[in-house]
Amino acid sequence: MGFEKLGFHIPSLIVYIVNFLLLLAILYFFAYKRILGMMDRRSERIRDSLEAADRAREESARAREEMEQRMAESRRESQALLQEARQAAERHRQEEHARVREEVRDFIEKARRDIREERDRAIDEVRRHFAGLAIAAAEKVVRRSLDRNAHTDLIEEVLREGEELPKG
């Protein structure tokens, strides 16, 4: 045989092939199914883990988007609140300005009334003094006869007495 020259011993080769096939059958029935099952389970766990990671990534993206929307809404709300505060401050400033203007107007009106009253009192006082002077002059006219010299003397006397009256 030509195989023996090559270093192959046919009966040993057949024993090796039978042993290999028996080992392969034993491995197939006992180990291969378990190994495949284990690999399938591991593959399933990896697939589940990848799906969970995808879901987590999607949830994270959704949560980040929602957070950004909330932050944008918060910014809009804070801007609206600031605008309202500015408007309230402006209204308050205008109201205070109007109130102060009204107070100034009232103060000026009161001052004008006080000045009119004081002027009226002063005019009344002057009238009373003038009436007193006129009465005094009339009394003197009645006491004396009116000639030109007496009349001039009388006027000068009344004017002197008017200057001597207390000024109020």
N, C-alpha and C. Protein backbone atom coordinates (compact mmCIF):
# COMPACT_ATOMS: atom_id res chain seq x y z
N MET A 1 0.79 -1.16 0.00
CA MET A 1 0.00 0.00 0.00
C MET A 1 0.85 1.24 0.00
N GLY A 2 0.33 2.22 -0.64
CA GLY A 2 1.08 3.44 -0.82
C GLY A 2 0.98 4.36 0.36
N PHE A 3 -0.05 4.15 1.20
CA PHE A 3 -0.24 5.05 2.34
C PHE A 3 0.78 4.78 3.41
N GLU A 4 1.18 3.51 3.48
CA GLU A 4 2.14 3.14 4.53
C GLU A 4 3.47 3.75 4.24
N LYS A 5 3.79 3.92 2.97
CA LYS A 5 5.05 4.53 2.61
C LYS A 5 5.02 5.99 3.03
N LEU A 6 3.90 6.58 3.06
CA LEU A 6 3.79 7.98 3.46
C LEU A 6 3.77 8.12 4.98
N GLY A 7 3.70 7.14 5.71
CA GLY A 7 3.71 7.19 7.16
C GLY A 7 2.33 7.04 7.75
N PHE A 8 1.37 6.62 6.94
CA PHE A 8 0.02 6.41 7.43
C PHE A 8 -0.18 4.94 7.67
N HIS A 9 -0.65 4.62 8.82
CA HIS A 9 -1.02 3.24 9.13
C HIS A 9 -2.53 3.22 9.09
N ILE A 10 -3.10 2.48 8.14
CA ILE A 10 -4.51 2.48 7.85
C ILE A 10 -5.34 2.05 9.07
N PRO A 11 -5.05 0.95 9.75
CA PRO A 11 -5.89 0.59 10.89
C PRO A 11 -5.85 1.68 11.95
N SER A 12 -4.71 2.31 12.18
CA SER A 12 -4.64 3.39 13.17
C SER A 12 -5.44 4.58 12.68
N LEU A 13 -5.38 4.81 11.39
CA LEU A 13 -6.11 5.96 10.84
C LEU A 13 -7.61 5.72 11.00
N ILE A 14 -8.06 4.52 10.78
CA ILE A 14 -9.48 4.21 10.93
C ILE A 14 -9.87 4.37 12.39
N VAL A 15 -9.01 3.89 13.30
CA VAL A 15 -9.31 4.04 14.74
C VAL A 15 -9.39 5.53 15.08
N TYR A 16 -8.46 6.31 14.54
CA TYR A 16 -8.46 7.76 14.82
C TYR A 16 -9.73 8.42 14.27
N ILE A 17 -10.12 8.02 13.09
CA ILE A 17 -11.32 8.61 12.48
C ILE A 17 -12.55 8.20 13.28
N VAL A 18 -12.62 6.91 13.69
CA VAL A 18 -13.77 6.45 14.48
C VAL A 18 -13.77 7.20 15.82
N ASN A 19 -12.62 7.29 16.46
CA ASN A 19 -12.53 8.03 17.74
C ASN A 19 -12.97 9.49 17.55
N PHE A 20 -12.53 10.08 16.45
CA PHE A 20 -12.87 11.48 16.20
C PHE A 20 -14.37 11.63 15.98
N LEU A 21 -14.96 10.69 15.21
CA LEU A 21 -16.40 10.75 14.96
C LEU A 21 -17.18 10.49 16.25
N LEU A 22 -16.69 9.51 17.07
CA LEU A 22 -17.36 9.27 18.35
C LEU A 22 -17.27 10.51 19.25
N LEU A 23 -16.09 11.11 19.29
CA LEU A 23 -15.92 12.32 20.10
C LEU A 23 -16.81 13.44 19.57
N LEU A 24 -16.88 13.55 18.26
CA LEU A 24 -17.72 14.57 17.65
C LEU A 24 -19.19 14.31 17.98
N ALA A 25 -19.64 13.06 17.93
CA ALA A 25 -21.03 12.74 18.26
C ALA A 25 -21.31 13.02 19.73
N ILE A 26 -20.38 12.64 20.60
CA ILE A 26 -20.56 12.90 22.04
C ILE A 26 -20.62 14.40 22.29
N LEU A 27 -19.69 15.11 21.68
CA LEU A 27 -19.68 16.58 21.86
C LEU A 27 -20.97 17.20 21.30
N TYR A 28 -21.40 16.66 20.13
CA TYR A 28 -22.61 17.21 19.54
C TYR A 28 -23.81 17.00 20.44
N PHE A 29 -23.98 15.80 20.98
CA PHE A 29 -25.15 15.50 21.79
C PHE A 29 -25.08 16.11 23.18
N PHE A 30 -23.90 16.14 23.75
CA PHE A 30 -23.81 16.60 25.13
C PHE A 30 -23.32 18.05 25.25
N ALA A 31 -22.34 18.42 24.50
CA ALA A 31 -21.76 19.74 24.70
C ALA A 31 -22.23 20.76 23.68
N TYR A 32 -22.36 20.36 22.44
CA TYR A 32 -22.66 21.32 21.38
C TYR A 32 -24.00 21.99 21.62
N LYS A 33 -25.02 21.22 21.98
CA LYS A 33 -26.34 21.81 22.23
C LYS A 33 -26.27 22.76 23.42
N ARG A 34 -25.54 22.35 24.44
CA ARG A 34 -25.39 23.23 25.61
C ARG A 34 -24.63 24.50 25.24
N ILE A 35 -23.57 24.32 24.49
CA ILE A 35 -22.77 25.48 24.08
C ILE A 35 -23.60 26.39 23.20
N LEU A 36 -24.35 25.81 22.25
CA LEU A 36 -25.21 26.63 21.40
C LEU A 36 -26.29 27.32 22.22
N GLY A 37 -26.89 26.56 23.14
CA GLY A 37 -27.90 27.16 24.02
C GLY A 37 -27.31 28.29 24.84
N MET A 38 -26.10 28.04 25.37
CA MET A 38 -25.44 29.06 26.16
C MET A 38 -25.13 30.28 25.28
N MET A 39 -24.67 30.03 24.07
CA MET A 39 -24.35 31.12 23.16
C MET A 39 -25.63 31.86 22.75
N ASP A 40 -26.72 31.10 22.55
CA ASP A 40 -28.00 31.75 22.23
C ASP A 40 -28.47 32.64 23.39
N ARG A 41 -28.34 32.07 24.61
CA ARG A 41 -28.73 32.88 25.78
C ARG A 41 -27.87 34.13 25.89
N ARG A 42 -26.58 33.93 25.69
CA ARG A 42 -25.66 35.08 25.78
C ARG A 42 -26.00 36.07 24.67
N SER A 43 -26.27 35.59 23.50
CA SER A 43 -26.65 36.46 22.39
C SER A 43 -27.94 37.21 22.73
N GLU A 44 -28.90 36.49 23.34
CA GLU A 44 -30.16 37.12 23.75
C GLU A 44 -29.91 38.19 24.81
N ARG A 45 -29.05 37.88 25.78
CA ARG A 45 -28.73 38.89 26.82
C ARG A 45 -28.06 40.10 26.20
N ILE A 46 -27.16 39.86 25.27
CA ILE A 46 -26.49 40.99 24.60
C ILE A 46 -27.51 41.81 23.83
N ARG A 47 -28.40 41.13 23.11
CA ARG A 47 -29.44 41.83 22.35
C ARG A 47 -30.33 42.63 23.31
N ASP A 48 -30.74 41.99 24.44
CA ASP A 48 -31.54 42.69 25.44
C ASP A 48 -30.79 43.90 26.00
N SER A 49 -29.51 43.70 26.28
CA SER A 49 -28.70 44.80 26.81
C SER A 49 -28.60 45.94 25.80
N LEU A 50 -28.41 45.58 24.52
CA LEU A 50 -28.34 46.61 23.48
C LEU A 50 -29.67 47.35 23.35
N GLU A 51 -30.78 46.59 23.41
CA GLU A 51 -32.10 47.22 23.34
C GLU A 51 -32.32 48.12 24.54
N ALA A 52 -31.91 47.63 25.73
CA ALA A 52 -32.05 48.46 26.94
C ALA A 52 -31.19 49.71 26.82
N ALA A 53 -29.98 49.56 26.27
CA ALA A 53 -29.11 50.72 26.09
C ALA A 53 -29.74 51.70 25.10
N ASP A 54 -30.34 51.18 24.02
CA ASP A 54 -31.02 52.06 23.06
C ASP A 54 -32.19 52.78 23.71
N ARG A 55 -32.98 52.02 24.49
CA ARG A 55 -34.11 52.64 25.19
C ARG A 55 -33.62 53.71 26.16
N ALA A 56 -32.55 53.38 26.90
CA ALA A 56 -31.99 54.34 27.86
C ALA A 56 -31.49 55.58 27.12
N ARG A 57 -30.83 55.37 25.97
CA ARG A 57 -30.33 56.51 25.19
C ARG A 57 -31.50 57.37 24.70
N GLU A 58 -32.57 56.69 24.21
CA GLU A 58 -33.75 57.42 23.74
C GLU A 58 -34.41 58.17 24.89
N GLU A 59 -34.54 57.50 26.03
CA GLU A 59 -35.14 58.16 27.20
C GLU A 59 -34.28 59.34 27.65
N SER A 60 -32.98 59.14 27.62
CA SER A 60 -32.06 60.23 27.99
C SER A 60 -32.21 61.41 27.04
N ALA A 61 -32.29 61.11 25.76
CA ALA A 61 -32.47 62.18 24.77
C ALA A 61 -33.81 62.87 24.98
N ARG A 62 -34.85 62.08 25.22
CA ARG A 62 -36.18 62.65 25.47
C ARG A 62 -36.16 63.50 26.74
N ALA A 63 -35.52 62.97 27.79
CA ALA A 63 -35.44 63.72 29.05
C ALA A 63 -34.65 65.01 28.85
N ARG A 64 -33.55 64.94 28.09
CA ARG A 64 -32.74 66.14 27.84
C ARG A 64 -33.56 67.16 27.06
N GLU A 65 -34.30 66.69 26.05
CA GLU A 65 -35.13 67.59 25.26
C GLU A 65 -36.21 68.22 26.12
N GLU A 66 -36.83 67.40 26.98
CA GLU A 66 -37.86 67.90 27.87
C GLU A 66 -37.28 68.93 28.84
N MET A 67 -36.07 68.63 29.36
CA MET A 67 -35.42 69.57 30.27
C MET A 67 -35.10 70.88 29.56
N GLU A 68 -34.64 70.79 28.31
CA GLU A 68 -34.35 72.00 27.54
C GLU A 68 -35.62 72.80 27.30
N GLN A 69 -36.72 72.09 27.03
CA GLN A 69 -38.01 72.78 26.85
C GLN A 69 -38.43 73.47 28.13
N ARG A 70 -38.26 72.77 29.26
CA ARG A 70 -38.62 73.37 30.54
C ARG A 70 -37.75 74.59 30.83
N MET A 71 -36.45 74.47 30.51
CA MET A 71 -35.55 75.61 30.74
C MET A 71 -35.96 76.78 29.84
N ALA A 72 -36.31 76.49 28.60
CA ALA A 72 -36.75 77.56 27.69
C ALA A 72 -38.03 78.18 28.21
N GLU A 73 -38.96 77.35 28.70
CA GLU A 73 -40.21 77.86 29.26
C GLU A 73 -39.92 78.70 30.51
N SER A 74 -38.99 78.22 31.33
CA SER A 74 -38.62 78.98 32.54
C SER A 74 -38.03 80.33 32.15
N ARG A 75 -37.18 80.33 31.11
CA ARG A 75 -36.61 81.60 30.64
C ARG A 75 -37.71 82.54 30.16
N ARG A 76 -38.66 81.99 29.40
CA ARG A 76 -39.77 82.83 28.90
C ARG A 76 -40.58 83.37 30.07
N GLU A 77 -40.86 82.50 31.04
CA GLU A 77 -41.63 82.95 32.21
C GLU A 77 -40.88 84.02 32.99
N SER A 78 -39.56 83.81 33.16
CA SER A 78 -38.80 84.82 33.90
C SER A 78 -38.75 86.13 33.13
N GLN A 79 -38.64 86.06 31.79
CA GLN A 79 -38.66 87.29 30.99
C GLN A 79 -40.03 87.98 31.13
N ALA A 80 -41.09 87.17 31.12
CA ALA A 80 -42.44 87.75 31.28
C ALA A 80 -42.57 88.39 32.65
N LEU A 81 -42.06 87.72 33.69
CA LEU A 81 -42.13 88.29 35.04
C LEU A 81 -41.33 89.58 35.12
N LEU A 82 -40.15 89.59 34.51
CA LEU A 82 -39.34 90.81 34.50
C LEU A 82 -40.08 91.94 33.78
N GLN A 83 -40.71 91.61 32.66
CA GLN A 83 -41.46 92.62 31.91
C GLN A 83 -42.61 93.15 32.75
N GLU A 84 -43.32 92.24 33.41
CA GLU A 84 -44.43 92.67 34.28
C GLU A 84 -43.92 93.56 35.41
N ALA A 85 -42.77 93.18 35.99
CA ALA A 85 -42.20 93.99 37.07
C ALA A 85 -41.81 95.38 36.55
N ARG A 86 -41.22 95.41 35.35
CA ARG A 86 -40.86 96.71 34.77
C ARG A 86 -42.11 97.55 34.54
N GLN A 87 -43.16 96.93 34.00
CA GLN A 87 -44.40 97.66 33.74
C GLN A 87 -45.02 98.14 35.05
N ALA A 88 -44.99 97.29 36.08
CA ALA A 88 -45.55 97.69 37.38
C ALA A 88 -44.74 98.85 37.95
N ALA A 89 -43.42 98.78 37.82
CA ALA A 89 -42.58 99.88 38.31
C ALA A 89 -42.87 101.16 37.55
N GLU A 90 -43.05 101.05 36.24
CA GLU A 90 -43.36 102.23 35.43
C GLU A 90 -44.72 102.80 35.82
N ARG A 91 -45.72 101.92 36.01
CA ARG A 91 -47.04 102.40 36.46
C ARG A 91 -46.93 103.08 37.81
N HIS A 92 -46.17 102.47 38.72
CA HIS A 92 -46.01 103.05 40.05
C HIS A 92 -45.33 104.42 39.95
N ARG A 93 -44.30 104.51 39.09
CA ARG A 93 -43.60 105.77 38.91
C ARG A 93 -44.55 106.83 38.36
N GLN A 94 -45.37 106.45 37.38
CA GLN A 94 -46.33 107.40 36.80
C GLN A 94 -47.38 107.81 37.83
N GLU A 95 -47.86 106.84 38.61
CA GLU A 95 -48.85 107.16 39.64
C GLU A 95 -48.26 108.11 40.68
N GLU A 96 -47.01 107.81 41.09
CA GLU A 96 -46.35 108.69 42.06
C GLU A 96 -46.15 110.08 41.47
N HIS A 97 -45.77 110.13 40.20
CA HIS A 97 -45.56 111.42 39.53
C HIS A 97 -46.88 112.20 39.50
N ALA A 98 -47.98 111.50 39.16
CA ALA A 98 -49.30 112.14 39.12
C ALA A 98 -49.71 112.60 40.52
N ARG A 99 -49.44 111.75 41.51
CA ARG A 99 -49.79 112.11 42.89
C ARG A 99 -49.01 113.35 43.33
N VAL A 100 -47.72 113.37 43.03
CA VAL A 100 -46.89 114.52 43.42
C VAL A 100 -47.37 115.76 42.69
N ARG A 101 -47.70 115.60 41.38
CA ARG A 101 -48.22 116.75 40.63
C ARG A 101 -49.50 117.27 41.27
N GLU A 102 -50.38 116.35 41.67
CA GLU A 102 -51.64 116.74 42.32
C GLU A 102 -51.36 117.46 43.64
N GLU A 103 -50.41 116.93 44.41
CA GLU A 103 -50.06 117.58 45.68
C GLU A 103 -49.50 118.97 45.44
N VAL A 104 -48.65 119.11 44.43
CA VAL A 104 -48.08 120.43 44.10
C VAL A 104 -49.19 121.37 43.68
N ARG A 105 -50.11 120.86 42.82
CA ARG A 105 -51.23 121.69 42.38
C ARG A 105 -52.07 122.13 43.59
N ASP A 106 -52.36 121.19 44.51
CA ASP A 106 -53.12 121.52 45.71
C ASP A 106 -52.37 122.55 46.56
N PHE A 107 -51.04 122.35 46.69
CA PHE A 107 -50.24 123.29 47.48
C PHE A 107 -50.26 124.68 46.86
N ILE A 108 -50.12 124.75 45.53
CA ILE A 108 -50.15 126.05 44.85
C ILE A 108 -51.52 126.70 45.02
N GLU A 109 -52.57 125.91 44.86
CA GLU A 109 -53.93 126.46 45.03
C GLU A 109 -54.14 126.98 46.44
N LYS A 110 -53.66 126.22 47.43
CA LYS A 110 -53.79 126.67 48.82
C LYS A 110 -52.98 127.94 49.04
N ALA A 111 -51.77 127.98 48.47
CA ALA A 111 -50.95 129.19 48.61
C ALA A 111 -51.65 130.37 47.97
N ARG A 112 -52.27 130.17 46.81
CA ARG A 112 -53.00 131.27 46.15
C ARG A 112 -54.17 131.73 47.00
N ARG A 113 -54.90 130.75 47.56
CA ARG A 113 -56.01 131.13 48.45
C ARG A 113 -55.50 131.93 49.64
N ASP A 114 -54.39 131.42 50.24
CA ASP A 114 -53.83 132.13 51.39
C ASP A 114 -53.39 133.54 51.01
N ILE A 115 -52.79 133.67 49.82
CA ILE A 115 -52.35 135.00 49.36
C ILE A 115 -53.57 135.90 49.13
N ARG A 116 -54.62 135.37 48.50
CA ARG A 116 -55.84 136.17 48.28
C ARG A 116 -56.44 136.61 49.60
N GLU A 117 -56.51 135.64 50.54
CA GLU A 117 -57.08 135.99 51.85
C GLU A 117 -56.24 137.05 52.54
N GLU A 118 -54.93 136.90 52.47
CA GLU A 118 -54.04 137.89 53.10
C GLU A 118 -54.18 139.24 52.42
N ARG A 119 -54.27 139.22 51.07
CA ARG A 119 -54.46 140.48 50.33
C ARG A 119 -55.78 141.12 50.71
N ASP A 120 -56.84 140.28 50.78
CA ASP A 120 -58.16 140.81 51.15
C ASP A 120 -58.13 141.39 52.56
N ARG A 121 -57.44 140.71 53.47
CA ARG A 121 -57.32 141.25 54.84
C ARG A 121 -56.56 142.57 54.83
N ALA A 122 -55.49 142.62 54.03
CA ALA A 122 -54.71 143.85 53.96
C ALA A 122 -55.55 144.97 53.36
N ILE A 123 -56.32 144.65 52.31
CA ILE A 123 -57.18 145.68 51.71
C ILE A 123 -58.22 146.14 52.71
N ASP A 124 -58.80 145.16 53.44
CA ASP A 124 -59.77 145.55 54.48
C ASP A 124 -59.12 146.44 55.52
N GLU A 125 -57.91 146.07 55.90
CA GLU A 125 -57.18 146.87 56.89
C GLU A 125 -56.93 148.28 56.37
N VAL A 126 -56.52 148.38 55.11
CA VAL A 126 -56.28 149.71 54.50
C VAL A 126 -57.58 150.49 54.44
N ARG A 127 -58.66 149.78 54.07
CA ARG A 127 -59.96 150.46 53.99
C ARG A 127 -60.38 150.98 55.37
N ARG A 128 -60.17 150.12 56.39
CA ARG A 128 -60.53 150.57 57.75
C ARG A 128 -59.72 151.80 58.14
N HIS A 129 -58.40 151.74 57.83
CA HIS A 129 -57.56 152.90 58.16
C HIS A 129 -57.97 154.12 57.35
N PHE A 130 -58.26 153.87 56.07
CA PHE A 130 -58.67 154.99 55.24
C PHE A 130 -60.00 155.54 55.72
N ALA A 131 -60.93 154.62 56.09
CA ALA A 131 -62.22 155.08 56.60
C ALA A 131 -62.00 155.88 57.88
N GLY A 132 -61.08 155.38 58.72
CA GLY A 132 -60.79 156.12 59.95
C GLY A 132 -60.21 157.49 59.63
N LEU A 133 -59.35 157.54 58.63
CA LEU A 133 -58.76 158.83 58.23
C LEU A 133 -59.84 159.75 57.65
N ALA A 134 -60.72 159.16 56.85
CA ALA A 134 -61.78 159.96 56.24
C ALA A 134 -62.70 160.52 57.31
N ILE A 135 -63.02 159.67 58.30
CA ILE A 135 -63.89 160.13 59.39
C ILE A 135 -63.19 161.22 60.19
N ALA A 136 -61.90 161.00 60.45
CA ALA A 136 -61.15 162.02 61.20
C ALA A 136 -61.10 163.33 60.42
N ALA A 137 -60.92 163.20 59.10
CA ALA A 137 -60.88 164.41 58.28
C ALA A 137 -62.23 165.08 58.27
N ALA A 138 -63.28 164.28 58.19
CA ALA A 138 -64.63 164.85 58.17
C ALA A 138 -64.92 165.55 59.49
N GLU A 139 -64.47 164.96 60.60
CA GLU A 139 -64.70 165.59 61.91
C GLU A 139 -63.99 166.94 61.97
N LYS A 140 -62.80 166.98 61.42
CA LYS A 140 -62.05 168.22 61.46
C LYS A 140 -62.69 169.26 60.54
N VAL A 141 -63.23 168.79 59.44
CA VAL A 141 -63.88 169.72 58.52
C VAL A 141 -65.10 170.30 59.19
N VAL A 142 -65.81 169.48 59.88
CA VAL A 142 -67.02 169.96 60.54
C VAL A 142 -66.62 170.94 61.64
N ARG A 143 -65.54 170.73 62.32
CA ARG A 143 -65.12 171.61 63.41
C ARG A 143 -64.64 172.96 62.88
N ARG A 144 -64.13 172.99 61.77
CA ARG A 144 -63.61 174.25 61.23
C ARG A 144 -64.40 174.67 60.00
N SER A 145 -64.30 175.87 59.73
CA SER A 145 -64.91 176.32 58.48
C SER A 145 -63.89 176.11 57.38
N LEU A 146 -64.35 175.85 56.22
CA LEU A 146 -63.44 175.48 55.16
C LEU A 146 -63.09 176.69 54.31
N ASP A 147 -61.97 177.24 54.56
CA ASP A 147 -61.42 178.21 53.62
C ASP A 147 -60.23 177.55 52.98
N ARG A 148 -59.63 178.17 52.02
CA ARG A 148 -58.58 177.53 51.25
C ARG A 148 -57.41 177.17 52.14
N ASN A 149 -56.94 177.97 53.01
CA ASN A 149 -55.81 177.69 53.91
C ASN A 149 -56.19 176.59 54.89
N ALA A 150 -57.37 176.66 55.41
CA ALA A 150 -57.80 175.64 56.37
C ALA A 150 -57.89 174.29 55.66
N HIS A 151 -58.33 174.34 54.45
CA HIS A 151 -58.48 173.10 53.70
C HIS A 151 -57.09 172.48 53.46
N THR A 152 -56.11 173.23 53.05
CA THR A 152 -54.76 172.73 52.82
C THR A 152 -54.16 172.23 54.11
N ASP A 153 -54.34 172.97 55.20
CA ASP A 153 -53.84 172.54 56.50
C ASP A 153 -54.48 171.21 56.91
N LEU A 154 -55.75 171.10 56.66
CA LEU A 154 -56.49 169.88 57.02
C LEU A 154 -55.94 168.67 56.25
N ILE A 155 -55.69 168.81 54.98
CA ILE A 155 -55.17 167.71 54.16
C ILE A 155 -53.79 167.30 54.65
N GLU A 156 -52.94 168.27 54.93
CA GLU A 156 -51.59 167.97 55.40
C GLU A 156 -51.63 167.27 56.75
N GLU A 157 -52.52 167.70 57.59
CA GLU A 157 -52.65 167.09 58.92
C GLU A 157 -53.12 165.64 58.80
N VAL A 158 -54.10 165.39 57.93
CA VAL A 158 -54.61 164.03 57.74
C VAL A 158 -53.50 163.14 57.18
N LEU A 159 -52.72 163.67 56.24
CA LEU A 159 -51.63 162.88 55.67
C LEU A 159 -50.58 162.55 56.72
N ARG A 160 -50.24 163.50 57.60
CA ARG A 160 -49.27 163.25 58.68
C ARG A 160 -49.81 162.19 59.63
N GLU A 161 -51.07 162.33 59.98
CA GLU A 161 -51.66 161.35 60.89
C GLU A 161 -51.69 159.95 60.24
N GLY A 162 -51.92 159.89 58.92
CA GLY A 162 -51.91 158.60 58.21
C GLY A 162 -50.53 157.98 58.24
N GLU A 163 -49.45 158.80 58.17
CA GLU A 163 -48.11 158.27 58.23
C GLU A 163 -47.78 157.79 59.63
N GLU A 164 -48.35 158.44 60.63
CA GLU A 164 -48.04 158.07 62.02
C GLU A 164 -48.82 156.83 62.47
N LEU A 165 -49.86 156.47 61.74
CA LEU A 165 -50.62 155.28 62.15
C LEU A 165 -49.74 154.05 62.07
N PRO A 166 -49.94 153.10 62.97
CA PRO A 166 -49.12 151.89 62.93
C PRO A 166 -49.39 151.11 61.63
N LYS A 167 -48.32 150.64 61.02
CA LYS A 167 -48.45 149.90 59.77
C LYS A 167 -48.48 148.41 60.12
N GLY A 168 -49.43 147.72 59.56
CA GLY A 168 -49.59 146.34 59.96
C GLY A 168 -49.30 145.43 58.90
